Each structure stands twice: as structure tokens, then as C-alpha cells.
């Protein structure tokens, strides 16, 4: 351990900003005699308590970064800042039909296209995050998490998570309450199953974990509403009410749970001709689960039903169908019934090698003769994924994946696409 004064510490920090650390310095530790000094250590030197905190608070989705390799701690052990992320590159080839997106989204299979093959490469999902864990007299134990990737416009930085959590309260931008990130399957495809419920939003949430094996959550969330009106007779702008979500979850081991949840929302729109405002109510119910069978097999699945919740279902979120025109009532919008679901399994061949397969579907139903004005519009989509992942080391992972998608419109026409994905990922 090298001991240096505060001026030298500042100089070292500035130097680190302009020159990389030498490869192999896994046990670097910097400290000061002062009680408010900072210690930099590798995660394997940080102590069991710090490792357990970082692991326990890792977000559960397959594309979330896990425990950071390096942390900064104060000498008193009250605060620790983890710095981590990953670099991830995917090469893909579409054949027998294409998906017009870097992610495999059946809703975006073109209705009419003369292009049947497509090659793409993408590194925009590269991720970086900062996580502060600590204890204060006011908040008690707390977590501050910020994270992003480069999925913004023209590969600019895009926020994925930014929140503070303490005493069961979560405030900020992160996964919504009407989804189950831990039940999502492992896919190279960054979006995942087309019938999966997946979204992030700004929220105020509370989680109660006082009952053994149970967890209860309720949240107030920032609404996002979109709609389709061929006549442009209505306007969907500001919303007057938040979304409300709640769920109950039962866990019977660290990797197995069952969750039941719901959402209710009020969606506002304005009649352009009369300038009158109107509201429609949307709702959704959801059941999801993941569980292990022995030491090698894992099952997962989710089913969602509702009206006016297209924003939250992967495929339907691309189609602006929270609100749609009502052909039987002029200048009025309606909410349509919709479902999304997936099921799959994962089998661990060795501790470092596993295969998985998933089937998924999203479907939009018609009411009030909606199909009469939407013959060329999406009715349902299907998604099949099969993949293999190999962890060559603790930090390096490779994967290969086959995807097939179907899009069927209200006029019964069906279009398909196939994709091969190859992935390399290095975590730090």
C-alpha cells in the first residue's frame, strides 16, 4: 500500500484522467492518514461486506452491468463508490426478410420490402455506471445509482438509470413497477421478447419486505402516452395524472419467484375542433415467474393483459397504440385490448456455458370496428430466440443467437424475418 499526502493524491487523480492505468494493477490501493481520505481497491480486496452490498443491489436484468471491478471507499467504511460497465459489440445478419432496426422487433418487419438480406454491427449498448452505497444519519443505508449507454441519437449518451434508494423508498429514473426484469430471458438481442413488458420511467416507489419471502411494491410514475389518429382530429400532449402500479412477489429461493402486478392510468387527449379535453382509462394485469429445476435448468415466463398499455409491451410500444381512433364515434379515441407473453428455459451445460430458448407473442385486438380502418396495421407478432453463451473468463463473454420473427396484420398478411447474432462482451 502506498501512502501519499493530499497534494500527491490530487496529482495522481489528474494523471489518471489523461493516461490509462497499467494493465495488471489489480491490487492498487491509495490512502491517506486523514479520516476523510479515499482508498481505491479492487473488488476482491474490498472485503466480504462491501462485495455483498454491491452484489445484493445489482439490477437483475440480463443487460445490466454487475458488480464493478473497482471501488473507492472512505477509511471509515461508511461510503463506497463502484465504477463499472462493459463494452459489447454485436454483428448481425438478416436473411429471408429483415427487421428495420438494430434490435429484432417483429413489429418493424416491413409490410412491403424488396430487401431480404441485411448486415449490421452495433456497439452502442456499451455501458458505464457509478454506484454509491453508504450510510447517513438521515437516510440510513442508501444507494445512489447512475448508468447509461450510447443508444441516444447518433450514438450519443443515453440515460438508463438514475435514482436514489433508501429505507424501501426509490426516487428517480429506473425500471417501472409494471414489469419484472428478473424474469426476462438471456438474449443477445438487446430488446428481448416482443411480448415482454419492459420500460423505464421517473417514479416515486416504496417496497415493503417485512414479511419473510414476500415483497410488496407500489409506485407513482411519470406517464408517457402515444396514440394513432389517421384524421389528425385529436392531440395527445400533456397528461394530468400519473400512472399507478403495484405488485406482490413471493420468493422461495434466491433464483425463484412468482410476481403478480397491475397498473392503472388515465390518458388525456384534446379534440382539435372543439378544444375539449377527454380522458380514457387504461389498465393492465401481469403475472411473471422464474424458477430453477435442479442445479442446471431455469424456467421463466410472463403474461400481460390490459387496455391502453401499448407503451409498456415491447412490440406494441413501437406502434403508438395506447389510444387509437374509434371509427364508431367521430373525433373520439379508444383503448384496445392487448396481450403480451413469453416463456422459455435456460440450461447450464457447464458453469461457464449455457443455452436458452424463448417463444414470445404480442397481440392487439379490435373493438368498435377498428380493423376496418387498420387493415395494413399490425395485429400480432411472434418471436423465437435460441442462443448459447460462453464465459471465457470472469470478464469476457461470447454468444451466438438465432432469431425468427413474424408480423401479421389485420388483413391476415404475414411477413417474416430471420437473424443471426454474434456477440463479444468485456465487463469491467
Protein backbone atom coordinates (compact mmCIF):
# COMPACT_ATOMS: atom_id res chain seq x y z
CA UNK A 1 0.00 0.00 0.00
CA UNK A 2 1.37 3.39 -0.99
CA UNK A 3 0.85 6.30 1.37
CA UNK A 4 0.83 9.81 -0.07
CA UNK A 5 -0.27 13.26 1.04
CA UNK A 6 -3.33 15.08 -0.26
CA UNK A 7 -1.45 17.09 -2.92
CA UNK A 8 0.06 13.96 -4.38
CA UNK A 9 -3.35 12.25 -4.33
CA UNK A 10 -4.81 15.11 -6.36
CA UNK A 11 -1.94 14.87 -8.82
CA UNK A 12 -2.49 11.14 -9.19
CA UNK A 13 -6.19 11.70 -9.89
CA UNK A 14 -5.38 14.23 -12.62
CA UNK A 15 -2.81 11.89 -14.13
CA UNK A 16 -5.35 9.05 -14.20
CA UNK A 17 -7.65 11.22 -16.29
CA UNK A 18 -5.08 11.60 -19.07
CA UNK A 19 -3.21 8.29 -19.01
CA UNK A 20 -4.54 4.72 -18.56
CA UNK A 21 -3.54 2.58 -15.61
CA UNK A 22 -1.03 -0.10 -16.42
CA UNK A 23 -2.60 -3.44 -17.23
CA UNK A 24 -2.40 -5.85 -14.35
CA UNK A 25 -2.61 -3.35 -11.46
CA UNK A 26 -5.50 -5.23 -9.86
CA UNK A 27 -4.46 -4.55 -6.27
CA UNK A 28 -3.92 -0.78 -6.42
CA UNK A 29 -4.67 0.86 -3.07
CA UNK A 30 -4.29 4.56 -2.27
CA UNK A 31 -4.94 6.02 1.18
CA UNK A 32 -4.14 8.91 3.49
CA UNK A 33 -3.76 9.27 7.22
CA UNK A 34 -6.65 11.77 7.27
CA UNK A 35 -10.03 10.23 8.24
CA UNK A 36 -11.78 11.62 5.15
CA UNK A 37 -9.27 10.21 2.66
CA UNK A 38 -10.16 7.82 -0.16
CA UNK A 39 -8.99 4.25 -0.69
CA UNK A 40 -9.06 2.63 -4.15
CA UNK A 41 -9.13 -1.16 -4.12
CA UNK A 42 -10.05 -3.95 -6.49
CA UNK A 43 -13.34 -5.64 -5.64
CA UNK A 44 -11.61 -8.84 -4.50
CA UNK A 45 -9.67 -6.80 -1.89
CA UNK A 46 -12.65 -4.79 -0.67
CA UNK A 47 -13.94 -7.19 1.96
CA UNK A 48 -16.94 -9.51 2.16
CA UNK A 49 -19.35 -6.84 3.43
CA UNK A 50 -18.67 -4.44 0.55
CA UNK A 51 -18.89 -7.24 -2.01
CA UNK A 52 -22.21 -8.43 -0.57
CA UNK A 53 -23.68 -4.91 -0.73
CA UNK A 54 -22.62 -4.45 -4.36
CA UNK A 55 -23.97 -7.89 -5.32
CA UNK A 56 -27.25 -7.53 -3.42
CA UNK A 57 -28.03 -4.20 -5.09
CA UNK A 58 -27.10 -5.21 -8.66
CA UNK A 59 -30.01 -4.68 -11.04
CA UNK A 60 -31.48 -8.01 -12.22
CA UNK A 61 -31.89 -7.60 -15.99
CA UNK A 62 -29.62 -9.64 -18.25
CA UNK A 63 -28.21 -6.50 -19.89
CA UNK A 64 -27.49 -4.72 -16.61
CA UNK A 65 -23.84 -4.46 -15.53
CA UNK A 66 -22.99 -6.48 -12.47
CA UNK A 67 -20.57 -5.94 -9.57
CA UNK A 68 -17.94 -3.32 -10.52
CA UNK A 69 -14.31 -4.39 -10.64
CA UNK A 70 -13.02 -1.34 -8.74
CA UNK A 71 -14.41 0.67 -5.82
CA UNK A 72 -13.46 3.78 -3.92
CA UNK A 73 -14.06 3.75 -0.17
CA UNK A 74 -13.52 6.15 2.68
CA UNK A 75 -11.30 5.00 5.56
CA UNK A 76 -14.24 4.75 7.95
CA UNK A 77 -16.07 2.31 5.69
CA UNK A 78 -19.26 4.42 5.55
CA UNK A 79 -19.24 5.10 1.79
CA UNK A 80 -18.18 3.11 -1.26
CA UNK A 81 -18.31 4.19 -4.91
CA UNK A 82 -18.32 1.44 -7.51
CA UNK A 83 -17.28 2.19 -11.09
CA UNK A 84 -18.03 -0.34 -13.79
CA UNK A 85 -19.74 -1.25 -17.03
CA UNK A 86 -18.99 -3.20 -20.16
CA UNK A 87 -18.06 -2.93 -23.83
CA UNK A 88 -20.33 -5.02 -26.04
CA UNK A 89 -20.22 -5.50 -29.81
CA UNK A 90 -22.81 -7.41 -31.84
CA UNK A 91 -22.64 -8.42 -35.50
CA UNK A 92 -25.92 -9.46 -37.10
CA UNK A 93 -27.11 -10.79 -40.44
CA UNK A 94 -30.76 -10.82 -41.58
CA UNK A 95 -31.93 -13.29 -44.20
CA UNK A 96 -35.26 -14.26 -45.69
CA UNK A 97 -36.67 -10.90 -44.62
CA UNK A 98 -35.31 -8.09 -42.46
CA UNK A 99 -36.20 -6.13 -39.34
CA UNK A 100 -35.72 -2.43 -39.96
CA UNK A 101 -33.86 -1.87 -36.70
CA UNK A 102 -30.64 -2.85 -34.95
CA UNK A 103 -32.86 -4.68 -32.41
CA UNK A 104 -35.03 -7.59 -33.56
CA UNK A 105 -38.55 -6.15 -33.32
CA UNK A 106 -41.24 -8.09 -35.26
CA UNK A 107 -43.48 -5.00 -35.34
CA UNK A 108 -40.85 -3.36 -37.57
CA UNK A 109 -40.77 -6.09 -40.21
CA UNK A 110 -41.71 -4.11 -43.35
CA UNK A 111 -45.10 -4.72 -44.94
CA UNK A 112 -43.57 -4.45 -48.39
CA UNK A 113 -39.84 -4.66 -48.97
CA UNK A 114 -37.62 -5.87 -51.78
CA UNK A 115 -34.68 -6.17 -49.37
CA UNK A 116 -34.32 -9.67 -47.93
CA UNK A 117 -30.78 -9.55 -46.51
CA UNK A 118 -29.01 -7.13 -44.22
CA UNK A 119 -25.69 -6.94 -42.34
CA UNK A 120 -25.26 -4.74 -39.26
CA UNK A 121 -22.77 -4.15 -36.44
CA UNK A 122 -23.56 -2.34 -33.21
CA UNK A 123 -21.53 -1.25 -30.18
CA UNK A 124 -23.96 1.40 -28.90
CA UNK A 125 -25.02 -0.74 -25.93
CA UNK A 126 -21.62 -0.24 -24.29
CA UNK A 127 -22.44 0.66 -20.69
CA UNK A 128 -20.90 2.66 -17.86
CA UNK A 129 -22.23 3.21 -14.35
CA UNK A 130 -21.45 4.68 -10.94
CA UNK A 131 -22.95 3.24 -7.78
CA UNK A 132 -22.57 4.85 -4.37
CA UNK A 133 -23.53 2.80 -1.31
CA UNK A 134 -23.34 4.30 2.14
CA UNK A 135 -24.93 5.15 5.44
CA UNK A 136 -26.07 8.51 6.78
CA UNK A 137 -27.89 9.57 9.97
CA UNK A 138 -30.86 10.85 7.92
CA UNK A 139 -31.26 8.19 5.20
CA UNK A 140 -29.75 5.18 6.93
CA UNK A 141 -28.34 2.72 4.38
CA UNK A 142 -28.72 4.16 0.88
CA UNK A 143 -27.80 3.60 -2.77
CA UNK A 144 -27.26 6.20 -5.50
CA UNK A 145 -27.07 4.66 -8.98
CA UNK A 146 -26.41 6.35 -12.32
CA UNK A 147 -25.98 4.43 -15.57
CA UNK A 148 -26.13 4.92 -19.30
CA UNK A 149 -25.19 3.63 -22.71
CA UNK A 150 -24.79 5.16 -26.17
CA UNK A 151 -28.22 4.45 -27.62
CA UNK A 152 -29.06 8.16 -27.95
CA UNK A 153 -29.39 9.94 -31.28
CA UNK A 154 -26.24 9.44 -33.41
CA UNK A 155 -24.76 7.18 -30.70
CA UNK A 156 -24.81 9.89 -28.04
CA UNK A 157 -25.02 9.06 -24.35
CA UNK A 158 -28.46 7.89 -23.16
CA UNK A 159 -29.57 7.65 -19.53
CA UNK A 160 -30.70 4.19 -18.40
CA UNK A 161 -30.88 4.56 -14.62
CA UNK A 162 -30.54 7.49 -12.22
CA UNK A 163 -32.05 7.02 -8.77
CA UNK A 164 -31.55 7.04 -5.03
CA UNK A 165 -32.91 4.24 -2.83
CA UNK A 166 -33.17 4.20 0.96
CA UNK A 167 -35.39 2.54 3.58
CA UNK A 168 -37.52 0.91 0.88
CA UNK A 169 -38.06 4.19 -1.00
CA UNK A 170 -36.86 4.68 -4.58
CA UNK A 171 -36.84 8.12 -6.20
CA UNK A 172 -35.64 8.73 -9.75
CA UNK A 173 -35.46 7.12 -13.16
CA UNK A 174 -35.32 3.31 -13.33
CA UNK A 175 -37.39 0.21 -14.12
CA UNK A 176 -41.13 0.69 -13.74
CA UNK A 177 -43.30 -1.21 -11.32
CA UNK A 178 -45.32 -2.90 -14.08
CA UNK A 179 -42.51 -5.18 -15.24
CA UNK A 180 -40.29 -7.95 -13.90
CA UNK A 181 -36.69 -7.53 -15.06
CA UNK A 182 -35.54 -10.66 -13.22
CA UNK A 183 -37.92 -12.86 -15.26
CA UNK A 184 -36.58 -11.73 -18.64
CA UNK A 185 -34.57 -14.31 -20.62
CA UNK A 186 -30.95 -14.02 -21.68
CA UNK A 187 -30.77 -12.78 -25.28
CA UNK A 188 -28.11 -11.11 -27.37
CA UNK A 189 -30.96 -9.13 -28.93
CA UNK A 190 -30.95 -6.03 -26.75
CA UNK A 191 -34.72 -5.51 -26.61
CA UNK A 192 -35.65 -9.12 -26.00
CA UNK A 193 -39.02 -10.91 -26.38
CA UNK A 194 -41.59 -8.89 -28.33
CA UNK A 195 -44.32 -9.76 -25.81
CA UNK A 196 -42.24 -8.82 -22.79
CA UNK A 197 -43.16 -5.84 -20.65
CA UNK A 198 -40.16 -3.56 -20.37
CA UNK A 199 -39.80 0.16 -19.66
CA UNK A 200 -38.06 2.77 -17.52
CA UNK A 201 -39.65 5.87 -16.05
CA UNK A 202 -39.24 8.55 -13.43
CA UNK A 203 -41.03 7.47 -10.26
CA UNK A 204 -41.59 7.51 -6.54
CA UNK A 205 -41.83 3.93 -5.31
CA UNK A 206 -41.97 2.12 -1.98
CA UNK A 207 -41.08 -1.54 -1.40
CA UNK A 208 -42.01 -3.40 1.78
CA UNK A 209 -40.02 -6.54 2.58
CA UNK A 210 -41.00 -7.11 6.20
CA UNK A 211 -42.68 -10.46 5.63
CA UNK A 212 -40.49 -13.47 5.12
CA UNK A 213 -40.18 -14.44 1.43
CA UNK A 214 -42.62 -11.69 0.37
CA UNK A 215 -42.12 -8.29 -1.22
CA UNK A 216 -44.76 -5.64 -1.91
CA UNK A 217 -44.30 -2.56 -4.06
CA UNK A 218 -46.37 0.50 -5.03
CA UNK A 219 -45.28 3.36 -7.24
CA UNK A 220 -46.36 6.68 -8.74
CA UNK A 221 -44.86 7.02 -12.20
CA UNK A 222 -44.39 9.62 -14.91
CA UNK A 223 -46.87 8.80 -17.70
CA UNK A 224 -45.98 8.52 -21.36
CA UNK A 225 -48.92 8.28 -23.76
CA UNK A 226 -48.95 7.87 -27.53
CA UNK A 227 -51.77 7.37 -29.99
CA UNK A 228 -52.79 6.85 -33.61
CA UNK A 229 -55.35 9.12 -35.29
CA UNK A 230 -55.41 8.91 -39.12
CA UNK A 231 -57.55 12.06 -39.35
CA UNK A 232 -55.33 14.17 -37.05
CA UNK A 233 -58.51 15.36 -35.32
CA UNK A 234 -57.12 14.97 -31.79
CA UNK A 235 -53.95 15.97 -29.99
CA UNK A 236 -52.18 14.00 -27.28
CA UNK A 237 -49.91 16.28 -25.26
CA UNK A 238 -49.71 16.87 -21.53
CA UNK A 239 -51.08 14.32 -19.09
CA UNK A 240 -52.98 15.28 -15.95
CA UNK A 241 -52.48 12.15 -13.87
CA UNK A 242 -49.54 9.86 -13.08
CA UNK A 243 -49.59 6.11 -13.65
CA UNK A 244 -50.13 3.95 -10.56
CA UNK A 245 -48.58 0.49 -10.27
CA UNK A 246 -48.39 -2.19 -7.59
CA UNK A 247 -47.14 -5.76 -7.28
CA UNK A 248 -46.74 -8.58 -4.79
CA UNK A 249 -43.90 -11.09 -5.09
CA UNK A 250 -43.20 -14.40 -3.36
CA UNK A 251 -39.65 -15.83 -3.37
CA UNK A 252 -38.87 -19.41 -2.40
CA UNK A 253 -35.13 -19.20 -3.08
CA UNK A 254 -32.62 -16.68 -4.42
CA UNK A 255 -33.40 -17.52 -8.06
CA UNK A 256 -37.11 -18.39 -7.91
CA UNK A 257 -40.14 -16.16 -7.51
CA UNK A 258 -43.73 -15.51 -8.56
CA UNK A 259 -44.96 -11.94 -9.09
CA UNK A 260 -48.49 -10.58 -9.61
CA UNK A 261 -48.83 -6.91 -10.55
CA UNK A 262 -51.07 -4.28 -12.05
CA UNK A 263 -51.24 -0.75 -13.46
CA UNK A 264 -53.96 1.86 -13.85
CA UNK A 265 -53.65 5.06 -15.85
CA UNK A 266 -55.74 7.98 -17.06
CA UNK A 267 -54.85 9.21 -20.56
CA UNK A 268 -55.85 12.67 -21.77
CA UNK A 269 -56.33 13.98 -25.29
CA UNK A 270 -57.83 17.11 -26.86
CA UNK A 271 -60.36 17.45 -29.69
CA UNK A 272 -58.75 19.95 -32.09
CA UNK A 273 -62.09 21.23 -33.43
CA UNK A 274 -63.82 21.94 -30.11
CA UNK A 275 -60.69 22.25 -27.96
CA UNK A 276 -62.39 19.99 -25.41
CA UNK A 277 -60.32 17.60 -23.33
CA UNK A 278 -61.23 13.95 -22.87
CA UNK A 279 -59.86 11.07 -20.84
CA UNK A 280 -59.66 7.35 -21.31
CA UNK A 281 -58.72 4.85 -18.60
CA UNK A 282 -56.11 2.21 -19.22
CA UNK A 283 -55.27 -0.77 -17.04
CA UNK A 284 -53.14 -3.88 -17.03
CA UNK A 285 -52.57 -7.05 -15.02
CA UNK A 286 -49.47 -9.19 -15.12
CA UNK A 287 -48.11 -12.49 -13.82
CA UNK A 288 -44.46 -13.48 -14.11
CA UNK A 289 -42.15 -16.09 -12.70
CA UNK A 290 -38.70 -17.57 -12.86
CA UNK A 291 -37.60 -20.74 -11.06
CA UNK A 292 -34.87 -23.36 -11.06
CA UNK A 293 -35.23 -27.09 -11.66
CA UNK A 294 -32.24 -28.77 -10.10
CA UNK A 295 -28.81 -27.25 -10.47
CA UNK A 296 -28.77 -26.86 -14.25
CA UNK A 297 -32.18 -25.76 -15.51
CA UNK A 298 -34.03 -22.46 -15.18
CA UNK A 299 -37.55 -21.64 -16.39
CA UNK A 300 -39.03 -18.17 -16.93
CA UNK A 301 -42.20 -16.59 -18.26
CA UNK A 302 -44.58 -13.65 -18.19
CA UNK A 303 -48.18 -12.92 -19.22
CA UNK A 304 -49.69 -9.43 -19.53
CA UNK A 305 -53.24 -8.34 -20.40
CA UNK A 306 -54.72 -4.87 -20.48
CA UNK A 307 -56.15 -1.93 -22.40
CA UNK A 308 -54.22 1.21 -23.24
CA UNK A 309 -50.84 -0.19 -22.14
CA UNK A 310 -49.13 -0.50 -25.52
CA UNK A 311 -46.34 1.78 -24.26
CA UNK A 312 -45.11 -0.99 -21.96
CA UNK A 313 -45.11 -4.05 -24.26
CA UNK A 314 -42.01 -4.28 -26.45
CA UNK A 315 -43.63 -4.76 -29.87
CA UNK A 316 -46.68 -2.58 -29.22
CA UNK A 317 -44.52 0.22 -27.85
CA UNK A 318 -43.32 0.82 -31.42
CA UNK A 319 -46.86 1.35 -32.77
CA UNK A 320 -48.42 4.25 -30.79
CA UNK A 321 -51.49 2.25 -29.72
CA UNK A 322 -52.15 3.44 -26.17
CA UNK A 323 -55.01 5.37 -27.75
CA UNK A 324 -56.44 4.73 -31.23
CA UNK A 325 -59.30 6.20 -33.25
CA UNK A 326 -62.83 4.96 -32.63
CA UNK A 327 -64.49 4.53 -36.07
CA UNK A 328 -67.94 4.45 -34.50
CA UNK A 329 -67.60 7.72 -32.59
CA UNK A 330 -66.28 10.73 -34.50
CA UNK A 331 -63.24 12.53 -33.07
CA UNK A 332 -63.02 10.15 -30.16
CA UNK A 333 -60.24 7.81 -29.11
CA UNK A 334 -60.49 4.37 -27.56
CA UNK A 335 -58.30 1.83 -25.77
CA UNK A 336 -57.95 -1.62 -27.32
CA UNK A 337 -57.41 -4.94 -25.53
CA UNK A 338 -53.89 -6.31 -25.89
CA UNK A 339 -51.73 -9.13 -24.58
CA UNK A 340 -48.04 -9.90 -24.40
CA UNK A 341 -46.38 -13.04 -23.14
CA UNK A 342 -43.26 -15.18 -23.33
CA UNK A 343 -41.96 -18.47 -21.95
CA UNK A 344 -38.61 -20.16 -22.10
CA UNK A 345 -35.87 -22.12 -20.42
CA UNK A 346 -32.13 -21.99 -19.81
CA UNK A 347 -29.86 -24.99 -19.37
CA UNK A 348 -26.39 -24.73 -17.90
CA UNK A 349 -24.10 -27.17 -19.69
CA UNK A 350 -21.13 -26.21 -17.52
CA UNK A 351 -20.57 -23.38 -15.01
CA UNK A 352 -19.32 -21.21 -17.88
CA UNK A 353 -21.56 -22.39 -20.76
CA UNK A 354 -25.35 -22.28 -21.13
CA UNK A 355 -28.02 -22.46 -23.82
CA UNK A 356 -31.51 -20.96 -23.76
CA UNK A 357 -34.66 -20.76 -25.86
CA UNK A 358 -37.67 -18.41 -25.77
CA UNK A 359 -41.02 -18.05 -27.55
CA UNK A 360 -43.00 -14.82 -27.33
CA UNK A 361 -46.12 -13.18 -28.75
CA UNK A 362 -47.73 -9.73 -28.64
CA UNK A 363 -51.27 -9.16 -29.90
CA UNK A 364 -53.62 -6.24 -30.44
CA UNK A 365 -57.38 -6.87 -30.54
CA UNK A 366 -60.07 -4.86 -32.31
CA UNK A 367 -63.11 -3.14 -30.84
CA UNK A 368 -65.74 -0.84 -32.39
CA UNK A 369 -64.77 -2.00 -35.90
CA UNK A 370 -61.20 -0.71 -35.55
CA UNK A 371 -59.89 -3.29 -38.02
CA UNK A 372 -61.89 -1.59 -40.81
CA UNK A 373 -59.52 1.41 -40.73
CA UNK A 374 -56.40 -0.60 -39.91
CA UNK A 375 -56.21 -3.38 -42.49
CA UNK A 376 -52.50 -2.82 -43.10
CA UNK A 377 -51.75 -2.33 -39.41
CA UNK A 378 -50.09 -4.76 -37.02
CA UNK A 379 -52.37 -7.34 -35.41
CA UNK A 380 -49.89 -9.69 -33.76
CA UNK A 381 -46.23 -10.61 -33.81
CA UNK A 382 -44.27 -13.70 -32.84
CA UNK A 383 -40.66 -14.05 -31.70
CA UNK A 384 -38.41 -17.11 -31.32
CA UNK A 385 -34.89 -16.97 -29.90
CA UNK A 386 -32.30 -19.70 -29.40
CA UNK A 387 -28.80 -18.91 -28.17
CA UNK A 388 -25.60 -20.06 -26.49
CA UNK A 389 -23.37 -18.06 -24.14
CA UNK A 390 -19.81 -18.87 -23.09
CA UNK A 391 -17.93 -17.04 -20.33
CA UNK A 392 -14.29 -17.36 -21.36
CA UNK A 393 -13.25 -15.63 -18.13
CA UNK A 394 -14.78 -13.65 -15.31
CA UNK A 395 -14.90 -10.55 -17.52
CA UNK A 396 -15.14 -11.88 -21.09
CA UNK A 397 -18.24 -13.44 -22.65
CA UNK A 398 -19.10 -14.62 -26.16
CA UNK A 399 -22.50 -15.54 -27.58
CA UNK A 400 -24.30 -16.71 -30.71
CA UNK A 401 -28.04 -16.47 -31.39
CA UNK A 402 -30.72 -17.30 -33.95
CA UNK A 403 -33.90 -15.22 -34.11
CA UNK A 404 -37.08 -15.62 -36.15
CA UNK A 405 -39.97 -13.18 -36.22
CA UNK A 406 -43.42 -13.00 -37.76
CA UNK A 407 -45.66 -9.96 -38.23
CA UNK A 408 -49.34 -10.49 -39.10
CA UNK A 409 -51.62 -7.55 -39.97
CA UNK A 410 -55.38 -7.20 -39.63
CA UNK A 411 -55.76 -8.14 -43.31
CA UNK A 412 -54.13 -11.53 -42.46
CA UNK A 413 -50.95 -10.85 -44.47
CA UNK A 414 -47.85 -12.24 -42.75
CA UNK A 415 -44.22 -11.18 -43.15
CA UNK A 416 -41.18 -12.89 -41.65
CA UNK A 417 -37.54 -12.21 -40.84
CA UNK A 418 -34.56 -14.21 -39.60
CA UNK A 419 -31.40 -13.02 -37.89
CA UNK A 420 -28.08 -14.45 -36.72
CA UNK A 421 -26.34 -12.55 -33.90
CA UNK A 422 -22.71 -12.91 -32.75
CA UNK A 423 -21.57 -11.10 -29.61
CA UNK A 424 -18.41 -10.30 -27.69
CA UNK A 425 -18.64 -8.55 -24.30
CA UNK A 426 -15.98 -7.41 -21.84
CA UNK A 427 -17.10 -6.26 -18.36
CA UNK A 428 -15.14 -4.06 -16.01
